[in-house]
Amino acid sequence: MHNSIINLNSIKNRLKIKIKNSSIPSIIAVSKTFPMSEILPLINHGHTHFGENKVQESVEKWQTIKTDFKHVNLHMIGNIQTNKVKYVIPLFDYIHSLDTLKLADKIANEQVKINKKLKIFIQVNIGNESQKKGIDISELENFYNKCTKELELNIVGLMCLPPRDQESSIYFSKMKKLSTELNLAELSMGMSADFLNAVENGSTYLRIGSKIFGNRN
């Protein structure tokens, strides 16, 4: 059995122990920088959620695979430049990094062109960090209303990257509160180092890379 499958099963077992009778969140296998030879064993094993963060790399890697495996869901978890949106919409199923009105506008326009609606997460700057992208908490409700009412985007949830070297649970619990206030069903939070903390705070999508595929070069 391929290492990535063993690793994925181990994560699922840890989650089952942690959350007992609740349903396990979706695990996005973050496959950025890994070749298709490392990804295909997971697809053939039945895994359906994969994450990428660079548009050009994704197009080169996934274009034919997505045609062959229509049930596979591709998640854009990296920042998107507006001039790359036209490549994102046809290929991806989810966007986790909506962080500006300009980007929201561009996504709305491109979706209309090909009659496809992606499931979208708003990226929240939960730690109020100047170097990080994301919507400020104070502007979140207004931004959400514009995206859903004016642009008719399918906003399914919120996403965050908590500050490094700090207790992530504090930020995950703030995210849970924000998500409840907006009545959103999904929460994209938790990575290889803190996915169990994220699950305790209601995460429904975990973005896990190195714990599945091993360390990147």
C-alpha atoms as a PDB file:
ATOM      1  CA  MET A   1       0.000   0.000   0.000  1.00  0.00           C
ATOM      2  CA  HIS A   2       1.257   3.475  -0.922  1.00  0.00           C
ATOM      3  CA  ASN A   3       2.560   5.629   1.956  1.00  0.00           C
ATOM      4  CA  SER A   4       0.028   8.403   1.321  1.00  0.00           C
ATOM      5  CA  ILE A   5      -2.867   5.929   1.733  1.00  0.00           C
ATOM      6  CA  ILE A   6      -1.396   4.598   5.002  1.00  0.00           C
ATOM      7  CA  ASN A   7      -0.960   8.189   6.235  1.00  0.00           C
ATOM      8  CA  LEU A   8      -4.514   9.173   5.239  1.00  0.00           C
ATOM      9  CA  ASN A   9      -5.990   6.131   7.011  1.00  0.00           C
ATOM     10  CA  SER A  10      -3.985   6.984  10.121  1.00  0.00           C
ATOM     11  CA  ILE A  11      -5.400  10.553  10.117  1.00  0.00           C
ATOM     12  CA  LYS A  12      -8.936   9.193   9.716  1.00  0.00           C
ATOM     13  CA  ASN A  13      -8.414   6.853  12.659  1.00  0.00           C
ATOM     14  CA  ARG A  14      -7.158   9.708  14.844  1.00  0.00           C
ATOM     15  CA  LEU A  15     -10.213  11.758  13.870  1.00  0.00           C
ATOM     16  CA  LYS A  16     -12.594   8.887  14.684  1.00  0.00           C
ATOM     17  CA  ILE A  17     -11.087   8.565  18.151  1.00  0.00           C
ATOM     18  CA  LYS A  18     -11.256  12.335  18.665  1.00  0.00           C
ATOM     19  CA  ILE A  19     -14.837  12.973  17.577  1.00  0.00           C
ATOM     20  CA  LYS A  20     -16.361   9.565  18.349  1.00  0.00           C
ATOM     21  CA  ASN A  21     -19.874   9.578  16.863  1.00  0.00           C
ATOM     22  CA  SER A  22     -19.791  12.815  14.870  1.00  0.00           C
ATOM     23  CA  SER A  23     -19.182  12.692  11.149  1.00  0.00           C
ATOM     24  CA  ILE A  24     -15.567  13.085  10.063  1.00  0.00           C
ATOM     25  CA  PRO A  25     -14.735  16.356   8.273  1.00  0.00           C
ATOM     26  CA  SER A  26     -13.667  16.270   4.633  1.00  0.00           C
ATOM     27  CA  ILE A  27      -9.916  15.888   4.306  1.00  0.00           C
ATOM     28  CA  ILE A  28      -8.368  17.963   1.529  1.00  0.00           C
ATOM     29  CA  ALA A  29      -5.106  16.286   0.544  1.00  0.00           C
ATOM     30  CA  VAL A  30      -2.924  19.308  -0.224  1.00  0.00           C
ATOM     31  CA  SER A  31      -1.022  18.064  -3.248  1.00  0.00           C
ATOM     32  CA  LYS A  32       0.790  21.284  -4.233  1.00  0.00           C
ATOM     33  CA  THR A  33       4.345  20.603  -5.538  1.00  0.00           C
ATOM     34  CA  PHE A  34       3.737  16.828  -5.569  1.00  0.00           C
ATOM     35  CA  PRO A  35       3.669  15.040  -8.951  1.00  0.00           C
ATOM     36  CA  MET A  36       0.637  13.140 -10.212  1.00  0.00           C
ATOM     37  CA  SER A  37       2.509   9.863  -9.554  1.00  0.00           C
ATOM     38  CA  GLU A  38       2.145  10.638  -5.808  1.00  0.00           C
ATOM     39  CA  ILE A  39      -1.493  11.720  -6.138  1.00  0.00           C
ATOM     40  CA  LEU A  40      -2.949   8.955  -8.316  1.00  0.00           C
ATOM     41  CA  PRO A  41      -2.658   6.213  -5.670  1.00  0.00           C
ATOM     42  CA  LEU A  42      -4.988   8.280  -3.444  1.00  0.00           C
ATOM     43  CA  ILE A  43      -7.444   8.893  -6.300  1.00  0.00           C
ATOM     44  CA  ASN A  44      -7.462   5.175  -7.132  1.00  0.00           C
ATOM     45  CA  HIS A  45      -7.999   4.434  -3.438  1.00  0.00           C
ATOM     46  CA  GLY A  46     -11.194   6.528  -3.597  1.00  0.00           C
ATOM     47  CA  HIS A  47     -10.077   9.844  -2.098  1.00  0.00           C
ATOM     48  CA  THR A  48     -11.924  12.747  -3.713  1.00  0.00           C
ATOM     49  CA  HIS A  49     -10.696  16.073  -2.226  1.00  0.00           C
ATOM     50  CA  PHE A  50      -7.365  17.626  -3.294  1.00  0.00           C
ATOM     51  CA  GLY A  51      -5.917  21.105  -2.739  1.00  0.00           C
ATOM     52  CA  GLU A  52      -3.575  23.224  -4.854  1.00  0.00           C
ATOM     53  CA  ASN A  53      -2.276  26.753  -4.363  1.00  0.00           C
ATOM     54  CA  LYS A  54      -0.744  27.750  -7.724  1.00  0.00           C
ATOM     55  CA  VAL A  55      -2.901  28.195 -10.796  1.00  0.00           C
ATOM     56  CA  GLN A  56      -0.388  27.317 -13.515  1.00  0.00           C
ATOM     57  CA  GLU A  57       0.866  24.189 -11.728  1.00  0.00           C
ATOM     58  CA  SER A  58      -2.741  23.078 -11.192  1.00  0.00           C
ATOM     59  CA  VAL A  59      -3.710  23.460 -14.846  1.00  0.00           C
ATOM     60  CA  GLU A  60      -0.667  21.460 -15.989  1.00  0.00           C
ATOM     61  CA  LYS A  61      -1.236  18.704 -13.421  1.00  0.00           C
ATOM     62  CA  TRP A  62      -5.003  18.360 -13.284  1.00  0.00           C
ATOM     63  CA  GLN A  63      -6.498  19.226 -16.686  1.00  0.00           C
ATOM     64  CA  THR A  64      -6.573  15.671 -18.065  1.00  0.00           C
ATOM     65  CA  ILE A  65      -6.995  13.977 -14.664  1.00  0.00           C
ATOM     66  CA  LYS A  66     -10.150  15.998 -13.960  1.00  0.00           C
ATOM     67  CA  THR A  67     -11.554  14.859 -17.305  1.00  0.00           C
ATOM     68  CA  ASP A  68     -10.823  11.215 -16.465  1.00  0.00           C
ATOM     69  CA  PHE A  69     -11.986  11.439 -12.832  1.00  0.00           C
ATOM     70  CA  LYS A  70     -15.031  13.698 -12.856  1.00  0.00           C
ATOM     71  CA  HIS A  71     -15.912  12.864  -9.215  1.00  0.00           C
ATOM     72  CA  VAL A  72     -12.665  14.406  -7.898  1.00  0.00           C
ATOM     73  CA  ASN A  73     -13.070  17.799  -6.183  1.00  0.00           C
ATOM     74  CA  LEU A  74     -10.274  20.306  -6.642  1.00  0.00           C
ATOM     75  CA  HIS A  75      -9.841  23.046  -4.027  1.00  0.00           C
ATOM     76  CA  MET A  76      -7.956  26.298  -4.686  1.00  0.00           C
ATOM     77  CA  ILE A  77      -6.418  27.095  -1.317  1.00  0.00           C
ATOM     78  CA  GLY A  78      -3.873  29.730  -2.396  1.00  0.00           C
ATOM     79  CA  ASN A  79      -4.239  33.408  -3.190  1.00  0.00           C
ATOM     80  CA  ILE A  80      -5.664  34.127  -6.637  1.00  0.00           C
ATOM     81  CA  GLN A  81      -4.587  37.012  -8.859  1.00  0.00           C
ATOM     82  CA  THR A  82      -7.586  38.410 -10.720  1.00  0.00           C
ATOM     83  CA  ASN A  83      -5.957  37.766 -14.122  1.00  0.00           C
ATOM     84  CA  LYS A  84      -5.797  34.033 -13.270  1.00  0.00           C
ATOM     85  CA  VAL A  85      -9.476  33.646 -12.337  1.00  0.00           C
ATOM     86  CA  LYS A  86     -10.371  32.614 -15.902  1.00  0.00           C
ATOM     87  CA  TYR A  87      -8.215  29.489 -15.448  1.00  0.00           C
ATOM     88  CA  VAL A  88      -9.488  28.735 -11.947  1.00  0.00           C
ATOM     89  CA  ILE A  89     -13.233  28.613 -12.651  1.00  0.00           C
ATOM     90  CA  PRO A  90     -13.254  25.831 -15.297  1.00  0.00           C
ATOM     91  CA  LEU A  91     -10.842  23.561 -13.378  1.00  0.00           C
ATOM     92  CA  PHE A  92     -11.668  23.977  -9.686  1.00  0.00           C
ATOM     93  CA  ASP A  93     -14.751  23.087  -7.639  1.00  0.00           C
ATOM     94  CA  TYR A  94     -13.981  25.103  -4.476  1.00  0.00           C
ATOM     95  CA  ILE A  95     -12.178  28.358  -3.681  1.00  0.00           C
ATOM     96  CA  HIS A  96     -10.953  28.812  -0.089  1.00  0.00           C
ATOM     97  CA  SER A  97      -9.245  32.182  -0.497  1.00  0.00           C
ATOM     98  CA  LEU A  98     -11.786  34.849  -1.438  1.00  0.00           C
ATOM     99  CA  ASP A  99     -10.308  37.957   0.180  1.00  0.00           C
ATOM    100  CA  THR A 100     -11.232  41.085  -1.819  1.00  0.00           C
ATOM    101  CA  LEU A 101     -14.279  42.590  -3.521  1.00  0.00           C
ATOM    102  CA  LYS A 102     -12.270  42.912  -6.739  1.00  0.00           C
ATOM    103  CA  LEU A 103     -11.659  39.157  -6.727  1.00  0.00           C
ATOM    104  CA  ALA A 104     -15.306  38.436  -5.876  1.00  0.00           C
ATOM    105  CA  ASP A 105     -16.408  40.576  -8.821  1.00  0.00           C
ATOM    106  CA  LYS A 106     -14.044  38.784 -11.198  1.00  0.00           C
ATOM    107  CA  ILE A 107     -15.178  35.333 -10.013  1.00  0.00           C
ATOM    108  CA  ALA A 108     -18.832  36.325 -10.500  1.00  0.00           C
ATOM    109  CA  ASN A 109     -18.142  37.474 -14.086  1.00  0.00           C
ATOM    110  CA  GLU A 110     -16.152  34.395 -15.060  1.00  0.00           C
ATOM    111  CA  GLN A 111     -18.736  32.030 -13.552  1.00  0.00           C
ATOM    112  CA  VAL A 112     -21.485  33.562 -15.675  1.00  0.00           C
ATOM    113  CA  LYS A 113     -19.384  33.077 -18.842  1.00  0.00           C
ATOM    114  CA  ILE A 114     -19.201  29.302 -18.452  1.00  0.00           C
ATOM    115  CA  ASN A 115     -22.357  28.801 -16.367  1.00  0.00           C
ATOM    116  CA  LYS A 116     -20.595  27.175 -13.431  1.00  0.00           C
ATOM    117  CA  LYS A 117     -20.849  28.021  -9.737  1.00  0.00           C
ATOM    118  CA  LEU A 118     -18.022  27.125  -7.409  1.00  0.00           C
ATOM    119  CA  LYS A 119     -18.378  26.606  -3.666  1.00  0.00           C
ATOM    120  CA  ILE A 120     -16.538  29.493  -2.056  1.00  0.00           C
ATOM    121  CA  PHE A 121     -15.024  30.204   1.358  1.00  0.00           C
ATOM    122  CA  ILE A 122     -14.291  33.750   2.518  1.00  0.00           C
ATOM    123  CA  GLN A 123     -10.775  34.013   3.930  1.00  0.00           C
ATOM    124  CA  VAL A 124     -10.886  35.786   7.288  1.00  0.00           C
ATOM    125  CA  ASN A 125      -7.827  37.535   8.751  1.00  0.00           C
ATOM    126  CA  ILE A 126      -8.666  36.056  12.135  1.00  0.00           C
ATOM    127  CA  GLY A 127      -5.447  37.180  13.860  1.00  0.00           C
ATOM    128  CA  ASN A 128      -5.655  40.711  12.413  1.00  0.00           C
ATOM    129  CA  GLU A 129      -2.122  40.303  10.995  1.00  0.00           C
ATOM    130  CA  SER A 130      -0.874  43.018   8.643  1.00  0.00           C
ATOM    131  CA  GLN A 131       1.180  40.576   6.544  1.00  0.00           C
ATOM    132  CA  LYS A 132      -1.741  38.215   5.952  1.00  0.00           C
ATOM    133  CA  LYS A 133      -4.532  38.427   3.437  1.00  0.00           C
ATOM    134  CA  GLY A 134      -8.173  38.045   4.409  1.00  0.00           C
ATOM    135  CA  ILE A 135     -11.224  40.066   5.377  1.00  0.00           C
ATOM    136  CA  ASP A 136     -11.119  41.922   8.700  1.00  0.00           C
ATOM    137  CA  ILE A 137     -13.657  40.652  11.214  1.00  0.00           C
ATOM    138  CA  SER A 138     -15.275  44.103  11.387  1.00  0.00           C
ATOM    139  CA  GLU A 139     -15.957  44.045   7.618  1.00  0.00           C
ATOM    140  CA  LEU A 140     -16.997  40.416   7.325  1.00  0.00           C
ATOM    141  CA  GLU A 141     -20.776  40.721   7.485  1.00  0.00           C
ATOM    142  CA  ASN A 142     -20.847  43.550   4.963  1.00  0.00           C
ATOM    143  CA  PHE A 143     -18.500  41.652   2.623  1.00  0.00           C
ATOM    144  CA  TYR A 144     -20.568  38.466   2.918  1.00  0.00           C
ATOM    145  CA  ASN A 145     -23.784  40.348   2.090  1.00  0.00           C
ATOM    146  CA  LYS A 146     -22.228  41.959  -0.994  1.00  0.00           C
ATOM    147  CA  CYS A 147     -20.920  38.605  -2.241  1.00  0.00           C
ATOM    148  CA  THR A 148     -24.193  36.762  -1.768  1.00  0.00           C
ATOM    149  CA  LYS A 149     -26.794  39.413  -2.537  1.00  0.00           C
ATOM    150  CA  GLU A 150     -25.154  41.590  -5.194  1.00  0.00           C
ATOM    151  CA  LEU A 151     -22.783  39.116  -6.860  1.00  0.00           C
ATOM    152  CA  GLU A 152     -24.815  35.959  -6.168  1.00  0.00           C
ATOM    153  CA  LEU A 153     -21.754  33.934  -5.189  1.00  0.00           C
ATOM    154  CA  ASN A 154     -22.253  30.569  -3.514  1.00  0.00           C
ATOM    155  CA  ILE A 155     -20.537  31.324  -0.207  1.00  0.00           C
ATOM    156  CA  VAL A 156     -20.518  28.058   1.742  1.00  0.00           C
ATOM    157  CA  GLY A 157     -18.236  28.969   4.637  1.00  0.00           C
ATOM    158  CA  LEU A 158     -15.228  30.728   6.145  1.00  0.00           C
ATOM    159  CA  MET A 159     -11.509  29.905   6.026  1.00  0.00           C
ATOM    160  CA  CYS A 160      -8.590  31.036   8.188  1.00  0.00           C
ATOM    161  CA  LEU A 161      -4.863  30.692   8.766  1.00  0.00           C
ATOM    162  CA  PRO A 162      -4.321  31.331  12.473  1.00  0.00           C
ATOM    163  CA  PRO A 163      -1.156  33.161  13.598  1.00  0.00           C
ATOM    164  CA  ARG A 164       1.906  30.915  13.773  1.00  0.00           C
ATOM    165  CA  ASP A 165       3.448  30.105  17.150  1.00  0.00           C
ATOM    166  CA  GLN A 166       0.203  30.854  18.960  1.00  0.00           C
ATOM    167  CA  GLU A 167      -2.491  28.593  20.381  1.00  0.00           C
ATOM    168  CA  SER A 168      -4.662  27.961  17.317  1.00  0.00           C
ATOM    169  CA  SER A 169      -7.740  26.867  19.313  1.00  0.00           C
ATOM    170  CA  ILE A 170      -8.412  30.481  20.395  1.00  0.00           C
ATOM    171  CA  TYR A 171      -8.686  31.537  16.751  1.00  0.00           C
ATOM    172  CA  PHE A 172     -10.603  28.442  15.665  1.00  0.00           C
ATOM    173  CA  SER A 173     -13.227  29.103  18.320  1.00  0.00           C
ATOM    174  CA  LYS A 174     -13.577  32.730  17.110  1.00  0.00           C
ATOM    175  CA  MET A 175     -14.092  31.367  13.584  1.00  0.00           C
ATOM    176  CA  LYS A 176     -16.793  29.012  14.810  1.00  0.00           C
ATOM    177  CA  LYS A 177     -18.628  31.961  16.389  1.00  0.00           C
ATOM    178  CA  LEU A 178     -18.389  34.059  13.183  1.00  0.00           C
ATOM    179  CA  SER A 179     -19.608  31.147  11.095  1.00  0.00           C
ATOM    180  CA  THR A 180     -22.623  30.635  13.383  1.00  0.00           C
ATOM    181  CA  GLU A 181     -23.468  34.369  13.253  1.00  0.00           C
ATOM    182  CA  LEU A 182     -23.583  34.231   9.434  1.00  0.00           C
ATOM    183  CA  ASN A 183     -25.423  30.897   9.517  1.00  0.00           C
ATOM    184  CA  LEU A 184     -22.794  29.207   7.347  1.00  0.00           C
ATOM    185  CA  ALA A 185     -22.468  25.428   7.360  1.00  0.00           C
ATOM    186  CA  GLU A 186     -18.790  24.983   6.454  1.00  0.00           C
ATOM    187  CA  LEU A 187     -15.488  25.891   8.108  1.00  0.00           C
ATOM    188  CA  SER A 188     -12.149  25.412   6.354  1.00  0.00           C
ATOM    189  CA  MET A 189      -9.514  25.343   9.083  1.00  0.00           C
ATOM    190  CA  GLY A 190      -6.857  23.035  10.417  1.00  0.00           C
ATOM    191  CA  MET A 191      -3.677  21.802   8.748  1.00  0.00           C
ATOM    192  CA  SER A 192      -1.124  19.056   9.457  1.00  0.00           C
ATOM    193  CA  ALA A 193       0.011  20.588  12.768  1.00  0.00           C
ATOM    194  CA  ASP A 194      -3.351  21.591  14.264  1.00  0.00           C
ATOM    195  CA  PHE A 195      -6.131  19.602  12.602  1.00  0.00           C
ATOM    196  CA  LEU A 196      -7.324  18.004  15.853  1.00  0.00           C
ATOM    197  CA  ASN A 197      -7.740  21.460  17.448  1.00  0.00           C
ATOM    198  CA  ALA A 198      -9.693  22.575  14.380  1.00  0.00           C
ATOM    199  CA  VAL A 199     -12.043  19.598  14.591  1.00  0.00           C
ATOM    200  CA  GLU A 200     -12.783  20.370  18.245  1.00  0.00           C
ATOM    201  CA  ASN A 201     -13.999  23.778  17.053  1.00  0.00           C
ATOM    202  CA  GLY A 202     -16.285  22.544  14.303  1.00  0.00           C
ATOM    203  CA  SER A 203     -14.044  22.451  11.214  1.00  0.00           C
ATOM    204  CA  THR A 204     -15.694  20.654   8.286  1.00  0.00           C
ATOM    205  CA  TYR A 205     -12.753  20.853   5.836  1.00  0.00           C
ATOM    206  CA  LEU A 206      -9.168  20.081   6.882  1.00  0.00           C
ATOM    207  CA  ARG A 207      -6.287  21.095   4.588  1.00  0.00           C
ATOM    208  CA  ILE A 208      -3.595  18.465   5.180  1.00  0.00           C
ATOM    209  CA  GLY A 209      -0.428  18.161   3.100  1.00  0.00           C
ATOM    210  CA  SER A 210       2.773  16.950   4.756  1.00  0.00           C
ATOM    211  CA  LYS A 211       0.974  14.536   7.117  1.00  0.00           C
ATOM    212  CA  ILE A 212      -0.307  12.734   3.990  1.00  0.00           C
ATOM    213  CA  PHE A 213       2.371  13.187   1.332  1.00  0.00           C
ATOM    214  CA  GLY A 214       5.450  13.718   3.500  1.00  0.00           C
ATOM    215  CA  ASN A 215       7.723  16.757   3.563  1.00  0.00           C
ATOM    216  CA  ARG A 216       8.104  18.903   0.472  1.00  0.00           C
ATOM    217  CA  ASN A 217      11.511  19.453  -1.105  1.00  0.00           C
END
